[in-house]
Amino acid sequence: MLDQPLIKVILIAAIVVVTAMLTRSTTGARHQAVRRLLLIGFVGLAVVAVLFPGFLTRVAQFVGVGRGADLLLYTLTVTFLGYVAASYRRLRHMEQQVTTLARELALRSAVHAQRDHPPGGDLEP
């Protein structure tokens, strides 16, 4: 448990940050700005990792991981976890919207049907 303490702290902190970001509201310009900045940072780090693979290995060894490929795997695991959680949250939100729209449509259809065929309107005296 005490081997490689720095990478464990970094990974746990990353998981906590991803979890905190997913529990917050996803609407607003601020949220979109943060997502865009993270995307730009990710692309920048990917370019650096491709151009200078030794740098990734040095960073990995600094945080207590043996190889750069292992650090990349850990990073991708945390990123994938965040993506799955965000996709699940987005899917739940869309399901709630579809449910709300279906209920509204059913109520409107019932109101229109009642106007077209009022109760007792077909009976003649």
C-alpha atoms as a PDB file:
ATOM      1  CA  MET A   1       0.000   0.000   0.000  1.00  0.00           C
ATOM      2  CA  LEU A   2       2.860   2.382   0.752  1.00  0.00           C
ATOM      3  CA  ASP A   3       4.747   1.724  -2.478  1.00  0.00           C
ATOM      4  CA  GLN A   4       4.327   4.410  -5.146  1.00  0.00           C
ATOM      5  CA  PRO A   5       2.479   6.839  -2.826  1.00  0.00           C
ATOM      6  CA  LEU A   6       2.635   9.847  -5.168  1.00  0.00           C
ATOM      7  CA  ILE A   7       0.859   8.188  -8.084  1.00  0.00           C
ATOM      8  CA  LYS A   8      -1.782   6.789  -5.744  1.00  0.00           C
ATOM      9  CA  VAL A   9      -2.477  10.247  -4.354  1.00  0.00           C
ATOM     10  CA  ILE A  10      -2.627  11.692  -7.876  1.00  0.00           C
ATOM     11  CA  LEU A  11      -4.998   8.975  -9.133  1.00  0.00           C
ATOM     12  CA  ILE A  12      -7.295   9.202  -6.109  1.00  0.00           C
ATOM     13  CA  ALA A  13      -7.361  12.994  -6.415  1.00  0.00           C
ATOM     14  CA  ALA A  14      -8.189  12.682 -10.131  1.00  0.00           C
ATOM     15  CA  ILE A  15     -11.043  10.291  -9.380  1.00  0.00           C
ATOM     16  CA  VAL A  16     -12.386  12.645  -6.706  1.00  0.00           C
ATOM     17  CA  VAL A  17     -12.177  15.606  -9.110  1.00  0.00           C
ATOM     18  CA  VAL A  18     -13.973  13.675 -11.873  1.00  0.00           C
ATOM     19  CA  THR A  19     -16.664  12.642  -9.403  1.00  0.00           C
ATOM     20  CA  ALA A  20     -17.075  16.213  -8.147  1.00  0.00           C
ATOM     21  CA  MET A  21     -17.340  17.563 -11.680  1.00  0.00           C
ATOM     22  CA  LEU A  22     -20.007  15.002 -12.521  1.00  0.00           C
ATOM     23  CA  THR A  23     -22.146  15.822  -9.513  1.00  0.00           C
ATOM     24  CA  ARG A  24     -22.281  19.500 -10.407  1.00  0.00           C
ATOM     25  CA  SER A  25     -24.665  21.113 -12.854  1.00  0.00           C
ATOM     26  CA  THR A  26     -23.592  20.718 -16.480  1.00  0.00           C
ATOM     27  CA  THR A  27     -25.290  23.794 -17.858  1.00  0.00           C
ATOM     28  CA  GLY A  28     -23.751  27.165 -18.396  1.00  0.00           C
ATOM     29  CA  ALA A  29     -20.888  28.825 -20.196  1.00  0.00           C
ATOM     30  CA  ARG A  30     -18.479  28.217 -17.325  1.00  0.00           C
ATOM     31  CA  HIS A  31     -18.867  24.456 -17.589  1.00  0.00           C
ATOM     32  CA  GLN A  32     -18.336  24.548 -21.354  1.00  0.00           C
ATOM     33  CA  ALA A  33     -15.242  26.731 -20.932  1.00  0.00           C
ATOM     34  CA  VAL A  34     -13.737  24.260 -18.456  1.00  0.00           C
ATOM     35  CA  ARG A  35     -14.456  21.363 -20.814  1.00  0.00           C
ATOM     36  CA  ARG A  36     -12.803  23.195 -23.714  1.00  0.00           C
ATOM     37  CA  LEU A  37      -9.738  24.058 -21.634  1.00  0.00           C
ATOM     38  CA  LEU A  38      -9.418  20.433 -20.539  1.00  0.00           C
ATOM     39  CA  LEU A  39      -9.703  19.299 -24.155  1.00  0.00           C
ATOM     40  CA  ILE A  40      -6.999  21.743 -25.265  1.00  0.00           C
ATOM     41  CA  GLY A  41      -4.780  20.572 -22.398  1.00  0.00           C
ATOM     42  CA  PHE A  42      -5.362  16.941 -23.327  1.00  0.00           C
ATOM     43  CA  VAL A  43      -4.439  17.566 -26.958  1.00  0.00           C
ATOM     44  CA  GLY A  44      -1.328  19.468 -25.894  1.00  0.00           C
ATOM     45  CA  LEU A  45      -0.205  16.661 -23.589  1.00  0.00           C
ATOM     46  CA  ALA A  46      -0.906  14.061 -26.279  1.00  0.00           C
ATOM     47  CA  VAL A  47       1.281  15.954 -28.757  1.00  0.00           C
ATOM     48  CA  VAL A  48       4.089  16.247 -26.182  1.00  0.00           C
ATOM     49  CA  ALA A  49       3.827  12.517 -25.387  1.00  0.00           C
ATOM     50  CA  VAL A  50       4.081  11.615 -29.071  1.00  0.00           C
ATOM     51  CA  LEU A  51       6.949  13.991 -29.848  1.00  0.00           C
ATOM     52  CA  PHE A  52       8.900  13.322 -26.649  1.00  0.00           C
ATOM     53  CA  PRO A  53       8.125   9.808 -25.330  1.00  0.00           C
ATOM     54  CA  GLY A  54      11.086   9.965 -22.950  1.00  0.00           C
ATOM     55  CA  PHE A  55       9.438  12.886 -21.185  1.00  0.00           C
ATOM     56  CA  LEU A  56       6.414  10.744 -20.383  1.00  0.00           C
ATOM     57  CA  THR A  57       8.707   8.082 -18.934  1.00  0.00           C
ATOM     58  CA  ARG A  58      10.510  10.669 -16.774  1.00  0.00           C
ATOM     59  CA  VAL A  59       7.171  12.004 -15.494  1.00  0.00           C
ATOM     60  CA  ALA A  60       6.041   8.446 -14.787  1.00  0.00           C
ATOM     61  CA  GLN A  61       9.194   7.686 -12.811  1.00  0.00           C
ATOM     62  CA  PHE A  62       8.846  10.973 -10.918  1.00  0.00           C
ATOM     63  CA  VAL A  63       5.358  10.053  -9.699  1.00  0.00           C
ATOM     64  CA  GLY A  64       6.389   6.490  -8.878  1.00  0.00           C
ATOM     65  CA  VAL A  65       5.348   4.535 -11.953  1.00  0.00           C
ATOM     66  CA  GLY A  66       7.921   2.432 -13.781  1.00  0.00           C
ATOM     67  CA  ARG A  67       7.113   3.258 -17.405  1.00  0.00           C
ATOM     68  CA  GLY A  68       5.409   6.006 -19.360  1.00  0.00           C
ATOM     69  CA  ALA A  69       3.060   3.455 -20.911  1.00  0.00           C
ATOM     70  CA  ASP A  70       1.808   2.502 -17.453  1.00  0.00           C
ATOM     71  CA  LEU A  71       1.207   6.151 -16.574  1.00  0.00           C
ATOM     72  CA  LEU A  72      -0.656   6.561 -19.853  1.00  0.00           C
ATOM     73  CA  LEU A  73      -2.800   3.529 -19.004  1.00  0.00           C
ATOM     74  CA  TYR A  74      -3.638   4.946 -15.565  1.00  0.00           C
ATOM     75  CA  THR A  75      -4.518   8.301 -17.090  1.00  0.00           C
ATOM     76  CA  LEU A  76      -6.704   6.723 -19.739  1.00  0.00           C
ATOM     77  CA  THR A  77      -8.455   4.632 -17.085  1.00  0.00           C
ATOM     78  CA  VAL A  78      -9.396   7.726 -15.093  1.00  0.00           C
ATOM     79  CA  THR A  79     -10.421   9.536 -18.284  1.00  0.00           C
ATOM     80  CA  PHE A  80     -12.562   6.583 -19.378  1.00  0.00           C
ATOM     81  CA  LEU A  81     -14.208   6.477 -15.962  1.00  0.00           C
ATOM     82  CA  GLY A  82     -15.094  10.153 -16.327  1.00  0.00           C
ATOM     83  CA  TYR A  83     -16.414   9.618 -19.847  1.00  0.00           C
ATOM     84  CA  VAL A  84     -18.604   6.685 -18.827  1.00  0.00           C
ATOM     85  CA  ALA A  85     -20.004   8.572 -15.853  1.00  0.00           C
ATOM     86  CA  ALA A  86     -20.689  11.684 -17.970  1.00  0.00           C
ATOM     87  CA  SER A  87     -22.367   9.584 -20.679  1.00  0.00           C
ATOM     88  CA  TYR A  88     -24.545   7.852 -18.104  1.00  0.00           C
ATOM     89  CA  ARG A  89     -25.554  11.196 -16.623  1.00  0.00           C
ATOM     90  CA  ARG A  90     -26.361  12.614 -20.056  1.00  0.00           C
ATOM     91  CA  LEU A  91     -28.401   9.513 -20.926  1.00  0.00           C
ATOM     92  CA  ARG A  92     -30.407   9.764 -17.688  1.00  0.00           C
ATOM     93  CA  HIS A  93     -31.130  13.436 -18.426  1.00  0.00           C
ATOM     94  CA  MET A  94     -32.336  12.584 -21.944  1.00  0.00           C
ATOM     95  CA  GLU A  95     -34.531   9.776 -20.593  1.00  0.00           C
ATOM     96  CA  GLN A  96     -36.134  12.225 -18.169  1.00  0.00           C
ATOM     97  CA  GLN A  97     -36.750  14.672 -21.012  1.00  0.00           C
ATOM     98  CA  VAL A  98     -38.338  11.957 -23.176  1.00  0.00           C
ATOM     99  CA  THR A  99     -40.564  10.903 -20.266  1.00  0.00           C
ATOM    100  CA  THR A 100     -41.676  14.496 -19.700  1.00  0.00           C
ATOM    101  CA  LEU A 101     -42.380  15.000 -23.409  1.00  0.00           C
ATOM    102  CA  ALA A 102     -44.320  11.722 -23.644  1.00  0.00           C
ATOM    103  CA  ARG A 103     -46.486  12.722 -20.678  1.00  0.00           C
ATOM    104  CA  GLU A 104     -47.163  16.148 -22.183  1.00  0.00           C
ATOM    105  CA  LEU A 105     -48.075  14.588 -25.513  1.00  0.00           C
ATOM    106  CA  ALA A 106     -50.412  12.094 -23.847  1.00  0.00           C
ATOM    107  CA  LEU A 107     -52.152  14.859 -21.903  1.00  0.00           C
ATOM    108  CA  ARG A 108     -52.552  17.012 -25.009  1.00  0.00           C
ATOM    109  CA  SER A 109     -53.905  14.082 -26.997  1.00  0.00           C
ATOM    110  CA  ALA A 110     -56.406  13.346 -24.225  1.00  0.00           C
ATOM    111  CA  VAL A 111     -57.565  16.988 -24.145  1.00  0.00           C
ATOM    112  CA  HIS A 112     -58.005  17.067 -27.930  1.00  0.00           C
ATOM    113  CA  ALA A 113     -59.851  13.749 -27.917  1.00  0.00           C
ATOM    114  CA  GLN A 114     -62.172  15.023 -25.208  1.00  0.00           C
ATOM    115  CA  ARG A 115     -62.936  18.199 -27.230  1.00  0.00           C
ATOM    116  CA  ASP A 116     -63.675  16.189 -30.364  1.00  0.00           C
ATOM    117  CA  HIS A 117     -65.825  13.606 -28.569  1.00  0.00           C
ATOM    118  CA  PRO A 118     -67.325  15.047 -25.380  1.00  0.00           C
ATOM    119  CA  PRO A 119     -68.791  12.504 -22.949  1.00  0.00           C
ATOM    120  CA  GLY A 120     -72.472  11.859 -23.599  1.00  0.00           C
ATOM    121  CA  GLY A 121     -72.338  13.807 -26.863  1.00  0.00           C
ATOM    122  CA  ASP A 122     -73.258  10.778 -29.004  1.00  0.00           C
ATOM    123  CA  LEU A 123     -76.552  10.112 -27.200  1.00  0.00           C
ATOM    124  CA  GLU A 124     -79.703  11.545 -28.732  1.00  0.00           C
ATOM    125  CA  PRO A 125     -82.916  12.144 -26.655  1.00  0.00           C
END
